[in-house]
N, C-alpha and C. Protein backbone atom coordinates (compact mmCIF):
# COMPACT_ATOMS: atom_id res chain seq x y z
N MET A 1 -13.85 21.33 -4.29
CA MET A 1 -15.24 20.47 -4.09
C MET A 1 -16.25 20.74 -4.91
N ILE A 2 -16.91 19.90 -5.43
CA ILE A 2 -18.26 20.06 -5.95
C ILE A 2 -19.32 19.98 -5.07
N LYS A 3 -20.29 20.91 -5.24
CA LYS A 3 -21.67 20.91 -4.28
C LYS A 3 -22.58 19.97 -4.88
N TYR A 4 -23.38 19.37 -4.29
CA TYR A 4 -24.43 18.59 -4.49
C TYR A 4 -25.42 19.22 -5.66
N HIS A 5 -25.95 20.26 -5.83
CA HIS A 5 -26.76 20.97 -6.59
C HIS A 5 -25.90 21.55 -8.13
N GLU A 6 -24.76 21.50 -7.67
CA GLU A 6 -23.85 22.30 -8.80
C GLU A 6 -23.92 21.31 -9.88
N SER A 7 -23.79 22.02 -11.26
CA SER A 7 -24.07 21.17 -12.34
C SER A 7 -22.42 21.34 -12.89
N ILE A 8 -21.96 19.86 -13.43
CA ILE A 8 -20.34 19.29 -14.01
C ILE A 8 -20.58 19.68 -15.28
N ASP A 9 -19.55 20.52 -15.58
CA ASP A 9 -18.97 20.71 -17.02
C ASP A 9 -18.29 19.24 -17.66
N PRO A 10 -19.04 18.66 -18.77
CA PRO A 10 -18.21 17.45 -19.04
C PRO A 10 -17.00 17.58 -19.52
N GLU A 11 -16.18 18.64 -19.77
CA GLU A 11 -14.84 18.77 -20.03
C GLU A 11 -13.99 19.15 -18.50
N ASP A 12 -14.53 18.87 -17.66
CA ASP A 12 -13.64 19.17 -16.45
C ASP A 12 -12.86 18.13 -16.13
N PRO A 13 -11.64 18.74 -15.92
CA PRO A 13 -10.41 17.65 -15.55
C PRO A 13 -10.55 16.82 -14.31
N ARG A 14 -11.70 17.60 -13.54
CA ARG A 14 -11.98 16.64 -12.35
C ARG A 14 -12.76 15.46 -12.20
N LEU A 15 -13.37 15.15 -13.34
CA LEU A 15 -14.19 13.96 -13.66
C LEU A 15 -12.95 12.95 -13.71
N VAL A 16 -12.14 12.94 -14.51
CA VAL A 16 -11.11 11.75 -14.96
C VAL A 16 -9.57 12.12 -14.35
N LYS A 17 -9.65 11.45 -13.56
CA LYS A 17 -8.33 11.38 -12.71
C LYS A 17 -7.26 10.01 -12.87
N ALA A 18 -6.09 10.30 -13.25
CA ALA A 18 -5.38 9.04 -13.24
C ALA A 18 -5.16 8.64 -12.07
N VAL A 19 -5.33 7.13 -11.85
CA VAL A 19 -4.95 6.59 -10.78
C VAL A 19 -4.07 5.48 -11.02
N ALA A 20 -2.86 5.12 -10.25
CA ALA A 20 -2.03 4.23 -10.43
C ALA A 20 -2.52 3.06 -9.92
N PRO A 21 -2.07 1.80 -10.71
CA PRO A 21 -2.66 0.50 -10.15
C PRO A 21 -1.82 -0.10 -8.86
N ALA A 22 -2.47 -0.55 -8.20
CA ALA A 22 -1.79 -1.24 -6.82
C ALA A 22 -0.56 -1.95 -7.44
N GLN A 23 0.56 -2.11 -6.49
CA GLN A 23 1.59 -3.15 -6.62
C GLN A 23 1.01 -4.78 -6.78
N LYS A 24 1.89 -5.56 -7.01
CA LYS A 24 1.67 -7.02 -7.21
C LYS A 24 1.05 -7.45 -5.76
N TRP A 25 1.92 -7.16 -4.71
CA TRP A 25 1.58 -7.89 -3.18
C TRP A 25 0.81 -6.80 -2.49
N GLU A 26 0.55 -5.29 -2.89
CA GLU A 26 -0.24 -4.52 -2.05
C GLU A 26 -1.22 -4.68 -1.71
N HIS A 27 -1.72 -4.85 -0.50
CA HIS A 27 -3.25 -5.16 -0.16
C HIS A 27 -3.90 -3.42 0.44
N THR A 28 -5.11 -3.68 0.47
CA THR A 28 -5.62 -2.27 1.25
C THR A 28 -6.70 -3.06 2.27
N GLY A 29 -6.57 -4.28 2.20
CA GLY A 29 -7.84 -4.86 3.26
C GLY A 29 -7.56 -4.52 4.48
N SER A 30 -8.58 -4.81 5.35
CA SER A 30 -8.29 -4.74 6.66
C SER A 30 -7.42 -5.65 7.56
N ASN A 31 -7.54 -6.95 6.80
CA ASN A 31 -6.88 -7.81 7.49
C ASN A 31 -5.35 -8.15 7.11
N PHE A 32 -4.88 -7.19 6.14
CA PHE A 32 -3.56 -7.16 5.93
C PHE A 32 -2.66 -6.76 6.79
N ASP A 33 -1.59 -7.18 7.29
CA ASP A 33 -0.61 -6.72 8.21
C ASP A 33 1.07 -7.11 7.41
N GLU A 34 1.89 -5.92 7.71
CA GLU A 34 2.67 -5.72 6.94
C GLU A 34 3.94 -6.79 7.27
N LEU A 35 3.95 -6.74 8.76
CA LEU A 35 5.02 -7.97 9.32
C LEU A 35 4.66 -9.13 8.75
N VAL A 36 3.42 -9.40 8.96
CA VAL A 36 3.46 -10.91 8.31
C VAL A 36 3.43 -11.18 6.84
N SER A 37 3.10 -10.42 6.29
CA SER A 37 3.76 -10.13 4.76
C SER A 37 5.28 -10.30 4.57
N ARG A 38 6.13 -9.48 5.28
CA ARG A 38 7.55 -9.82 5.38
C ARG A 38 7.91 -11.05 5.83
N ILE A 39 7.13 -11.56 6.78
CA ILE A 39 7.60 -12.96 6.98
C ILE A 39 7.32 -14.10 6.08
N VAL A 40 6.19 -14.02 5.46
CA VAL A 40 5.84 -14.85 4.56
C VAL A 40 6.85 -14.47 3.34
N GLY A 41 7.46 -13.24 3.10
CA GLY A 41 8.21 -13.10 1.84
C GLY A 41 9.20 -13.74 2.31
N MET A 42 9.93 -13.80 3.53
CA MET A 42 10.99 -14.57 3.99
C MET A 42 10.99 -16.01 3.59
N MET A 43 9.97 -16.70 4.10
CA MET A 43 9.71 -17.93 3.73
C MET A 43 9.65 -18.32 2.40
N THR A 44 9.37 -17.76 1.32
CA THR A 44 9.10 -18.12 0.01
C THR A 44 10.32 -18.72 -0.43
N ILE A 45 9.82 -19.65 -1.12
CA ILE A 45 11.11 -20.50 -2.14
C ILE A 45 10.45 -20.21 -3.57
N ARG A 46 11.37 -19.78 -4.28
CA ARG A 46 11.09 -19.51 -5.75
C ARG A 46 9.74 -18.56 -5.97
N GLY A 47 9.40 -17.70 -5.04
CA GLY A 47 8.46 -16.86 -5.10
C GLY A 47 7.02 -17.39 -4.78
N GLU A 48 7.06 -18.69 -4.30
CA GLU A 48 5.42 -19.53 -4.19
C GLU A 48 4.92 -18.94 -2.92
N ARG A 49 4.43 -17.92 -2.86
CA ARG A 49 3.75 -17.06 -1.64
C ARG A 49 2.62 -18.21 -0.95
N GLU A 50 1.93 -18.30 -1.97
CA GLU A 50 0.81 -19.26 -1.37
C GLU A 50 1.33 -20.47 -0.76
N VAL A 51 2.17 -21.24 -0.92
CA VAL A 51 2.76 -22.08 -0.48
C VAL A 51 3.26 -21.71 1.06
N ALA A 52 4.07 -20.62 0.90
CA ALA A 52 4.48 -20.17 2.23
C ALA A 52 3.40 -19.83 3.22
N ARG A 53 2.21 -18.95 2.84
CA ARG A 53 1.25 -18.86 3.54
C ARG A 53 0.52 -20.09 4.21
N ASN A 54 0.49 -21.17 3.22
CA ASN A 54 -0.38 -22.25 3.69
C ASN A 54 0.59 -22.91 4.78
N MET A 55 1.97 -23.20 4.48
CA MET A 55 2.93 -23.65 5.52
C MET A 55 2.76 -22.95 6.91
N ARG A 56 2.91 -21.74 6.78
CA ARG A 56 2.35 -20.91 8.01
C ARG A 56 1.39 -21.08 8.74
N LYS A 57 0.29 -21.35 8.12
CA LYS A 57 -1.06 -21.54 8.84
C LYS A 57 -0.92 -22.89 9.41
N ASN A 58 -0.36 -23.89 8.48
CA ASN A 58 -0.62 -25.29 8.99
C ASN A 58 0.35 -25.51 9.94
N LYS A 59 1.67 -25.12 10.12
CA LYS A 59 2.63 -25.11 11.11
C LYS A 59 1.90 -24.55 12.33
N SER A 60 1.39 -23.57 12.49
CA SER A 60 0.75 -23.09 13.63
C SER A 60 -0.15 -23.67 14.23
N ILE A 61 -1.16 -24.43 13.11
CA ILE A 61 -2.13 -25.29 13.82
C ILE A 61 -1.69 -26.33 14.44
N ALA A 62 -0.69 -27.14 13.63
CA ALA A 62 -0.13 -28.28 13.80
C ALA A 62 0.57 -28.16 15.42
N ASN A 63 1.01 -27.23 15.76
CA ASN A 63 1.73 -27.26 17.10
C ASN A 63 0.85 -26.71 18.13
N ILE A 64 -0.15 -26.81 18.03
CA ILE A 64 -1.11 -26.28 19.15
C ILE A 64 -1.61 -27.40 20.07
N SER A 65 -1.11 -27.31 21.48
CA SER A 65 -1.36 -28.23 22.42
C SER A 65 -2.63 -27.94 22.88
N GLU A 66 -3.22 -28.62 23.68
CA GLU A 66 -4.47 -29.02 24.33
C GLU A 66 -4.76 -27.76 25.37
N SER A 67 -3.61 -26.84 25.92
CA SER A 67 -3.73 -25.98 26.71
C SER A 67 -4.58 -24.95 26.43
N ASN A 68 -5.46 -24.24 27.08
CA ASN A 68 -6.18 -22.91 27.02
C ASN A 68 -5.30 -21.98 26.98
N ALA A 69 -4.21 -21.97 27.28
CA ALA A 69 -3.26 -20.74 27.77
C ALA A 69 -2.74 -20.62 26.11
N THR A 70 -2.58 -21.61 25.32
CA THR A 70 -1.90 -21.44 24.06
C THR A 70 -2.48 -20.43 23.11
N VAL A 71 -1.99 -19.56 22.43
CA VAL A 71 -2.27 -18.40 21.45
C VAL A 71 -2.68 -19.14 20.18
N ILE A 72 -3.88 -19.29 19.69
CA ILE A 72 -3.94 -19.97 18.31
C ILE A 72 -3.78 -19.12 16.86
N ASN A 73 -4.04 -17.91 17.32
CA ASN A 73 -3.97 -17.09 16.04
C ASN A 73 -2.39 -16.82 15.66
N PRO A 74 -2.35 -17.33 14.31
CA PRO A 74 -0.82 -16.93 13.92
C PRO A 74 -0.26 -15.62 13.52
N THR A 75 -1.05 -14.75 13.29
CA THR A 75 -0.85 -13.41 13.64
C THR A 75 -0.19 -12.50 14.58
N THR A 76 -1.00 -13.23 15.88
CA THR A 76 -0.51 -12.97 16.97
C THR A 76 0.83 -13.63 17.66
N VAL A 77 1.11 -14.84 17.07
CA VAL A 77 2.42 -15.28 17.26
C VAL A 77 3.52 -14.79 16.63
N ILE A 78 3.10 -14.33 15.44
CA ILE A 78 4.38 -13.61 14.64
C ILE A 78 4.65 -12.40 15.59
N HIS A 79 3.77 -11.76 15.90
CA HIS A 79 4.08 -10.24 16.42
C HIS A 79 4.68 -10.49 17.71
N GLU A 80 4.27 -11.67 18.59
CA GLU A 80 4.89 -11.92 19.97
C GLU A 80 6.41 -12.41 19.66
N ALA A 81 6.51 -13.03 18.70
CA ALA A 81 8.08 -13.82 18.49
C ALA A 81 8.93 -12.39 17.98
N VAL A 82 8.42 -11.41 16.97
CA VAL A 82 9.06 -10.47 16.75
C VAL A 82 9.59 -9.51 17.92
N LYS A 83 8.44 -9.20 18.78
CA LYS A 83 8.80 -8.45 20.08
C LYS A 83 9.70 -9.22 20.91
N ASN A 84 9.64 -10.56 21.07
CA ASN A 84 10.51 -11.19 21.88
C ASN A 84 12.22 -11.00 21.29
N CYS A 85 12.29 -10.85 19.75
CA CYS A 85 13.60 -10.80 19.33
C CYS A 85 14.11 -9.34 19.40
N THR A 86 13.20 -8.34 19.50
CA THR A 86 13.90 -6.94 19.54
C THR A 86 14.94 -6.96 21.03
N PRO A 87 16.04 -5.99 20.74
CA PRO A 87 16.67 -6.00 21.91
C PRO A 87 16.16 -5.22 22.81
N LEU A 88 16.38 -5.05 24.23
CA LEU A 88 16.02 -4.19 25.28
C LEU A 88 16.83 -3.15 25.40
N LEU A 89 18.22 -3.66 25.29
CA LEU A 89 19.15 -2.36 25.24
C LEU A 89 19.81 -1.62 24.20
N LEU A 90 19.75 -0.51 23.65
CA LEU A 90 20.46 -0.07 22.46
C LEU A 90 21.64 0.72 22.83
N LEU A 91 22.70 0.41 21.82
CA LEU A 91 24.09 0.66 22.25
C LEU A 91 24.38 1.73 21.28
N GLN A 92 25.23 2.71 21.28
CA GLN A 92 25.65 3.83 20.52
C GLN A 92 27.08 3.71 20.61
N SER A 93 27.81 3.76 19.53
CA SER A 93 29.24 4.20 19.36
C SER A 93 29.51 5.71 19.95
N VAL A 94 30.74 5.52 20.79
CA VAL A 94 30.98 6.92 21.22
C VAL A 94 32.70 7.21 21.10
N PRO A 95 33.16 7.83 20.35
CA PRO A 95 34.75 7.92 20.33
C PRO A 95 35.30 8.38 21.47
N ARG A 96 36.47 7.95 22.22
CA ARG A 96 36.96 8.67 23.08
C ARG A 96 38.43 7.98 23.04
N GLY A 97 39.17 9.08 22.64
CA GLY A 97 40.63 9.03 22.58
C GLY A 97 40.93 7.85 21.42
N GLY A 98 40.47 7.92 20.07
CA GLY A 98 40.76 7.10 19.05
C GLY A 98 40.00 5.50 19.24
N ILE A 99 39.20 5.40 20.14
CA ILE A 99 38.69 4.05 20.43
C ILE A 99 37.39 4.31 20.70
N LEU A 100 36.58 3.58 19.82
CA LEU A 100 35.04 3.42 20.03
C LEU A 100 34.53 2.57 21.25
N TYR A 101 33.95 3.48 22.04
CA TYR A 101 33.23 2.42 23.06
C TYR A 101 31.54 2.24 22.82
N LYS A 102 31.22 1.27 22.93
CA LYS A 102 29.73 0.96 22.84
C LYS A 102 29.01 1.48 24.46
N VAL A 103 28.27 2.61 24.33
CA VAL A 103 27.62 2.75 25.54
C VAL A 103 26.13 2.66 25.32
N ILE A 104 25.41 2.35 26.33
CA ILE A 104 24.22 2.16 26.64
C ILE A 104 23.32 3.33 26.53
N ILE A 105 22.22 3.35 25.48
CA ILE A 105 21.47 4.78 25.63
C ILE A 105 20.34 4.69 26.24
């Protein structure tokens, strides 16, 4: 670490450090969500991610009823949908006497 009043040599290798560029769809923003990015990736047709993003936004806005209990945020809707699809019980295969039995964990 360089101190505040310390002079720096122009040939110091710490001044220049190679930094790898970000991937094409890699984001560092505060509003980036990996789950939403995966869902948009599944919705893409011929790599048209912008069309899929707009379609996700328009579909979520079009299906909103007049009720106040309806969640409007599409990111929250996607997270709740994935949470509803996850299994409640996990099964593990246990071999007993040459037969595999599925046992609840």
